[in-house]
């Protein structure tokens, strides 16, 4: 009987191992193709335009996808709307009950709104801002504390860095001309430092007008799905239509801690209806109250 070569067994094992690896690769490829076919996985796109920071057409796709979901009316979700300035909308941030609570709490104390004088740093009357408003102290009651905690979770900025809630009311024809939330004087930065971000919560719907507009925003802002519903003022930049319960977060400073001129924003005049909103300004450091 002829003896088998010594390396026969080793060669056989090597062949079996190669076959196993090949089979695993074939199976893995099949699984990937199957997931791609189902749309669970997607390949990265080489299209440069699809990854542009200022391409706002993605908002249209996200909105269309959301509109078909069951129960989406009360669903909470965050949507990025701009990178310059950095801005996002937290849909259904407040409940209807919370919106009504803030309005009723503020109504007895409403006064004509003022602006900050850049030279003195003090509040003064101005035609630039024609609304009425009042402040609700930070941590005033359980409901406000819950809202402030939610703002902190949303922004990753401690509650102690926030100013009190400001509630604003705009009637027909009332507006707020484009302005910055950050300060150019030293007086207003002594307590808490510079304003780093703003959370603007809409406490009511507005039939027409009343948009928050960013005239210096960069991007194809006419791509937003609500473009046709905007007033002429609203079409002057990237705009957000007031919707009860939604919260708009935008940053007055860039990630390198410099002031962001693209955060210039204003409140368009209310054309039909009433506009109620609440603003929370957030500081770089703790804001002492």
Protein backbone atom coordinates (compact mmCIF):
# COMPACT_ATOMS: atom_id res chain seq x y z
CA UNK A 1 0.00 0.00 0.00
CA UNK A 2 1.33 3.41 -0.96
CA UNK A 3 1.83 5.78 1.99
CA UNK A 4 0.12 9.20 1.85
CA UNK A 5 2.37 12.27 1.78
CA UNK A 6 3.04 13.84 5.18
CA UNK A 7 1.53 17.18 4.21
CA UNK A 8 -1.73 15.66 2.99
CA UNK A 9 -3.60 16.27 6.27
CA UNK A 10 -2.30 19.86 6.60
CA UNK A 11 -3.25 20.60 3.00
CA UNK A 12 -6.72 19.17 3.59
CA UNK A 13 -7.24 21.38 6.66
CA UNK A 14 -6.08 24.47 4.77
CA UNK A 15 -8.50 23.73 1.95
CA UNK A 16 -11.40 23.29 4.38
CA UNK A 17 -10.54 26.58 6.13
CA UNK A 18 -10.44 28.46 2.82
CA UNK A 19 -13.80 26.99 1.83
CA UNK A 20 -15.31 28.08 5.16
CA UNK A 21 -13.99 31.65 4.82
CA UNK A 22 -15.30 31.85 1.26
CA UNK A 23 -18.73 30.61 2.37
CA UNK A 24 -18.87 33.19 5.19
CA UNK A 25 -17.97 36.00 2.77
CA UNK A 26 -20.67 34.87 0.35
CA UNK A 27 -23.23 34.78 3.15
CA UNK A 28 -22.15 38.22 4.45
CA UNK A 29 -22.44 39.70 0.96
CA UNK A 30 -25.90 38.21 0.57
CA UNK A 31 -27.03 39.72 3.90
CA UNK A 32 -25.69 43.18 2.94
CA UNK A 33 -27.45 43.06 -0.44
CA UNK A 34 -30.66 41.95 1.26
CA UNK A 35 -30.52 44.87 3.76
CA UNK A 36 -29.78 47.33 0.95
CA UNK A 37 -32.77 46.03 -0.98
CA UNK A 38 -35.02 46.58 2.05
CA UNK A 39 -33.67 50.09 2.53
CA UNK A 40 -32.39 49.31 6.02
CA UNK A 41 -28.84 50.15 4.94
CA UNK A 42 -27.71 52.80 2.49
CA UNK A 43 -24.42 53.48 0.78
CA UNK A 44 -22.65 56.82 1.35
CA UNK A 45 -23.23 59.29 -1.45
CA UNK A 46 -20.40 60.85 -3.44
CA UNK A 47 -22.63 63.78 -4.34
CA UNK A 48 -20.95 66.81 -2.77
CA UNK A 49 -24.12 68.91 -2.87
CA UNK A 50 -26.00 66.44 -0.66
CA UNK A 51 -23.60 67.02 2.23
CA UNK A 52 -23.45 70.80 2.08
CA UNK A 53 -23.99 72.34 5.50
CA UNK A 54 -26.32 74.99 4.10
CA UNK A 55 -28.45 72.71 1.94
CA UNK A 56 -31.88 73.00 3.56
CA UNK A 57 -33.67 70.69 1.13
CA UNK A 58 -33.25 67.88 3.68
CA UNK A 59 -35.85 69.63 5.83
CA UNK A 60 -38.42 68.94 3.13
CA UNK A 61 -37.60 65.23 3.13
CA UNK A 62 -37.74 64.96 6.92
CA UNK A 63 -41.05 66.80 7.09
CA UNK A 64 -42.62 64.61 4.43
CA UNK A 65 -41.43 61.49 6.22
CA UNK A 66 -42.85 62.69 9.53
CA UNK A 67 -46.22 63.73 8.14
CA UNK A 68 -47.28 60.17 7.47
CA UNK A 69 -46.61 58.75 10.93
CA UNK A 70 -49.43 57.85 13.28
CA UNK A 71 -49.69 60.11 16.29
CA UNK A 72 -47.10 62.56 14.93
CA UNK A 73 -49.18 65.54 16.09
CA UNK A 74 -47.98 65.12 19.68
CA UNK A 75 -44.67 63.46 18.93
CA UNK A 76 -41.56 65.18 20.24
CA UNK A 77 -38.66 65.34 17.82
CA UNK A 78 -35.80 67.69 16.94
CA UNK A 79 -35.18 69.03 13.45
CA UNK A 80 -32.01 70.88 12.42
CA UNK A 81 -32.94 73.80 10.16
CA UNK A 82 -29.66 75.70 9.80
CA UNK A 83 -25.91 75.48 10.37
CA UNK A 84 -25.25 79.21 9.91
CA UNK A 85 -26.59 80.14 12.37
CA UNK A 86 -26.83 76.85 14.23
CA UNK A 87 -30.56 76.44 14.75
CA UNK A 88 -33.02 73.62 15.38
CA UNK A 89 -36.70 73.17 16.19
CA UNK A 90 -37.87 70.94 19.04
CA UNK A 91 -41.39 70.05 17.93
CA UNK A 92 -44.05 69.83 20.67
CA UNK A 93 -41.54 70.93 23.30
CA UNK A 94 -44.36 72.33 25.45
CA UNK A 95 -47.79 70.85 25.98
CA UNK A 96 -50.90 72.94 25.26
CA UNK A 97 -51.54 73.08 29.00
CA UNK A 98 -48.06 74.48 29.65
CA UNK A 99 -48.50 77.11 26.92
CA UNK A 100 -51.82 78.26 28.37
CA UNK A 101 -50.38 78.24 31.89
CA UNK A 102 -47.51 80.58 30.95
CA UNK A 103 -49.88 82.96 29.15
CA UNK A 104 -52.31 83.17 32.07
CA UNK A 105 -49.45 83.57 34.54
CA UNK A 106 -47.98 86.48 32.56
CA UNK A 107 -51.15 88.35 31.51
CA UNK A 108 -51.63 90.44 34.70
CA UNK A 109 -48.04 91.70 34.54
CA UNK A 110 -47.58 92.61 30.87
CA UNK A 111 -45.83 95.91 30.10
CA UNK A 112 -44.47 97.57 26.96
CA UNK A 113 -41.32 95.77 25.82
CA UNK A 114 -37.97 97.55 25.88
CA UNK A 115 -34.57 97.11 24.23
CA UNK A 116 -31.01 97.40 25.56
CA UNK A 117 -29.19 100.67 24.90
CA UNK A 118 -25.77 99.75 23.49
CA UNK A 119 -24.09 102.78 25.07
CA UNK A 120 -25.48 102.55 28.60
CA UNK A 121 -26.47 98.87 28.69
CA UNK A 122 -29.82 99.79 30.22
CA UNK A 123 -33.37 99.11 29.03
CA UNK A 124 -35.12 101.77 26.97
CA UNK A 125 -38.27 102.21 24.88
CA UNK A 126 -37.88 101.82 21.13
CA UNK A 127 -39.95 101.55 17.96
CA UNK A 128 -37.72 98.62 17.06
CA UNK A 129 -39.73 96.49 19.49
CA UNK A 130 -43.46 97.08 19.79
CA UNK A 131 -44.64 94.05 21.76
CA UNK A 132 -45.55 93.77 25.44
CA UNK A 133 -43.91 91.41 27.88
CA UNK A 134 -42.95 90.37 31.39
CA UNK A 135 -40.39 88.18 33.15
CA UNK A 136 -41.11 85.07 35.19
CA UNK A 137 -38.41 84.39 37.79
CA UNK A 138 -36.26 81.30 37.33
CA UNK A 139 -37.56 78.40 39.41
CA UNK A 140 -40.73 80.31 40.28
CA UNK A 141 -42.94 77.22 40.56
CA UNK A 142 -43.07 73.52 39.72
CA UNK A 143 -44.23 73.98 36.11
CA UNK A 144 -41.54 76.54 35.33
CA UNK A 145 -38.88 74.37 36.97
CA UNK A 146 -39.94 71.44 34.79
CA UNK A 147 -39.75 73.58 31.64
CA UNK A 148 -36.34 74.95 32.63
CA UNK A 149 -35.04 71.43 33.29
CA UNK A 150 -36.29 70.40 29.83
CA UNK A 151 -34.49 73.38 28.28
CA UNK A 152 -31.30 72.35 30.06
CA UNK A 153 -31.61 68.78 28.75
CA UNK A 154 -32.22 70.10 25.22
CA UNK A 155 -29.28 72.53 25.18
CA UNK A 156 -26.83 70.74 27.54
CA UNK A 157 -26.52 74.05 29.40
CA UNK A 158 -27.12 74.04 33.19
CA UNK A 159 -30.36 75.56 34.49
CA UNK A 160 -28.28 78.00 36.56
CA UNK A 161 -26.94 79.59 33.36
CA UNK A 162 -30.40 80.72 32.28
CA UNK A 163 -32.12 84.05 32.77
CA UNK A 164 -35.76 84.17 33.83
CA UNK A 165 -38.42 83.27 31.28
CA UNK A 166 -39.65 86.26 29.29
CA UNK A 167 -43.23 86.02 28.01
CA UNK A 168 -44.08 88.22 25.01
CA UNK A 169 -47.34 89.19 23.33
CA UNK A 170 -47.58 90.58 19.79
CA UNK A 171 -50.85 91.99 18.48
CA UNK A 172 -51.63 92.86 14.86
CA UNK A 173 -48.91 95.09 13.42
CA UNK A 174 -46.49 94.54 16.30
CA UNK A 175 -42.99 93.28 15.52
CA UNK A 176 -39.34 93.16 16.56
CA UNK A 177 -36.80 94.44 14.05
CA UNK A 178 -33.71 92.26 13.32
CA UNK A 179 -31.23 92.31 16.20
CA UNK A 180 -28.65 90.23 18.03
CA UNK A 181 -29.23 88.58 21.40
CA UNK A 182 -25.58 88.92 22.38
CA UNK A 183 -24.28 92.13 23.95
CA UNK A 184 -21.73 94.64 22.72
CA UNK A 185 -21.28 96.32 26.11
CA UNK A 186 -19.60 95.24 29.35
CA UNK A 187 -22.49 96.23 31.63
CA UNK A 188 -24.79 93.40 30.51
CA UNK A 189 -22.12 90.69 30.61
CA UNK A 190 -21.08 91.22 34.24
CA UNK A 191 -23.62 88.67 35.43
CA UNK A 192 -23.18 85.34 33.67
CA UNK A 193 -21.03 86.56 30.81
CA UNK A 194 -22.19 86.61 27.20
CA UNK A 195 -25.47 85.14 25.95
CA UNK A 196 -24.52 81.93 24.18
CA UNK A 197 -27.91 80.63 23.04
CA UNK A 198 -31.62 81.40 22.91
CA UNK A 199 -34.62 79.08 23.25
CA UNK A 200 -37.75 80.69 21.81
CA UNK A 201 -40.94 78.82 22.67
CA UNK A 202 -44.15 79.49 20.75
CA UNK A 203 -47.16 79.60 23.08
CA UNK A 204 -49.76 80.10 20.34
CA UNK A 205 -50.36 79.60 16.65
CA UNK A 206 -50.48 82.71 14.44
CA UNK A 207 -52.90 82.85 11.52
CA UNK A 208 -50.64 85.04 9.39
CA UNK A 209 -47.27 86.71 9.92
CA UNK A 210 -45.33 86.66 13.18
CA UNK A 211 -42.49 84.52 11.81
CA UNK A 212 -39.04 84.46 13.38
CA UNK A 213 -36.73 85.47 10.53
CA UNK A 214 -32.94 85.15 10.18
CA UNK A 215 -32.03 87.59 7.37
CA UNK A 216 -28.30 86.78 7.55
CA UNK A 217 -28.72 82.99 7.51
CA UNK A 218 -26.79 81.10 4.85
CA UNK A 219 -28.49 78.48 2.73
CA UNK A 220 -31.26 77.85 0.23
CA UNK A 221 -33.92 78.86 2.75
CA UNK A 222 -36.63 78.93 0.08
CA UNK A 223 -36.44 75.11 0.20
CA UNK A 224 -38.23 74.89 3.56
CA UNK A 225 -41.65 73.19 3.21
CA UNK A 226 -43.53 76.15 4.74
CA UNK A 227 -42.10 78.71 2.26
CA UNK A 228 -45.43 79.34 0.48
CA UNK A 229 -47.11 80.10 3.83
CA UNK A 230 -44.69 82.88 4.79
CA UNK A 231 -45.40 86.61 4.74
CA UNK A 232 -43.24 88.96 2.67
CA UNK A 233 -41.20 89.68 5.80
CA UNK A 234 -40.79 85.96 6.40
CA UNK A 235 -39.40 85.47 2.91
CA UNK A 236 -36.57 87.85 3.73
CA UNK A 237 -34.46 85.04 5.16
CA UNK A 238 -34.65 81.69 6.89
CA UNK A 239 -37.96 81.80 8.77
CA UNK A 240 -39.84 79.73 11.30
CA UNK A 241 -43.63 79.88 11.55
CA UNK A 242 -44.99 80.02 15.10
CA UNK A 243 -46.63 76.76 16.14
CA UNK A 244 -48.00 76.27 19.63
CA UNK A 245 -45.66 74.10 21.67
CA UNK A 246 -42.64 74.24 19.34
CA UNK A 247 -39.30 75.57 20.61
CA UNK A 248 -36.65 77.20 18.42
CA UNK A 249 -33.05 76.90 19.63
CA UNK A 250 -30.38 79.06 18.01
CA UNK A 251 -26.83 79.87 19.05
CA UNK A 252 -25.42 83.39 19.28
CA UNK A 253 -21.87 82.07 19.45
CA UNK A 254 -19.97 79.68 17.21
CA UNK A 255 -18.22 76.54 18.53
CA UNK A 256 -14.95 78.52 18.84
CA UNK A 257 -16.71 80.95 21.24
CA UNK A 258 -16.80 83.91 18.84
CA UNK A 259 -19.97 85.93 18.27
CA UNK A 260 -22.01 84.70 15.31
CA UNK A 261 -23.28 87.53 13.05
CA UNK A 262 -25.51 85.07 11.18
CA UNK A 263 -27.63 84.82 14.36
CA UNK A 264 -29.21 88.17 13.45
CA UNK A 265 -32.96 87.64 13.83
CA UNK A 266 -36.26 89.47 14.11
CA UNK A 267 -39.96 88.96 14.70
CA UNK A 268 -42.12 89.72 11.66
CA UNK A 269 -45.25 91.79 12.20
CA UNK A 270 -48.40 89.86 13.05
CA UNK A 271 -50.84 90.26 10.15
CA UNK A 272 -53.73 88.20 11.45
CA UNK A 273 -54.29 86.79 14.93
CA UNK A 274 -52.16 87.05 18.09
CA UNK A 275 -48.69 85.82 18.91
CA UNK A 276 -47.59 84.63 22.33
CA UNK A 277 -44.06 83.39 22.94
CA UNK A 278 -41.60 82.77 25.75
CA UNK A 279 -37.85 83.33 25.57
CA UNK A 280 -35.07 81.78 27.62
CA UNK A 281 -31.63 83.35 27.20
CA UNK A 282 -28.68 81.19 28.23
CA UNK A 283 -25.31 82.51 29.41
CA UNK A 284 -21.75 81.23 29.23
CA UNK A 285 -21.49 81.21 33.03
CA UNK A 286 -23.92 80.96 35.94
CA UNK A 287 -26.51 83.74 35.91
CA UNK A 288 -27.17 84.85 39.48
CA UNK A 289 -30.73 85.80 40.38
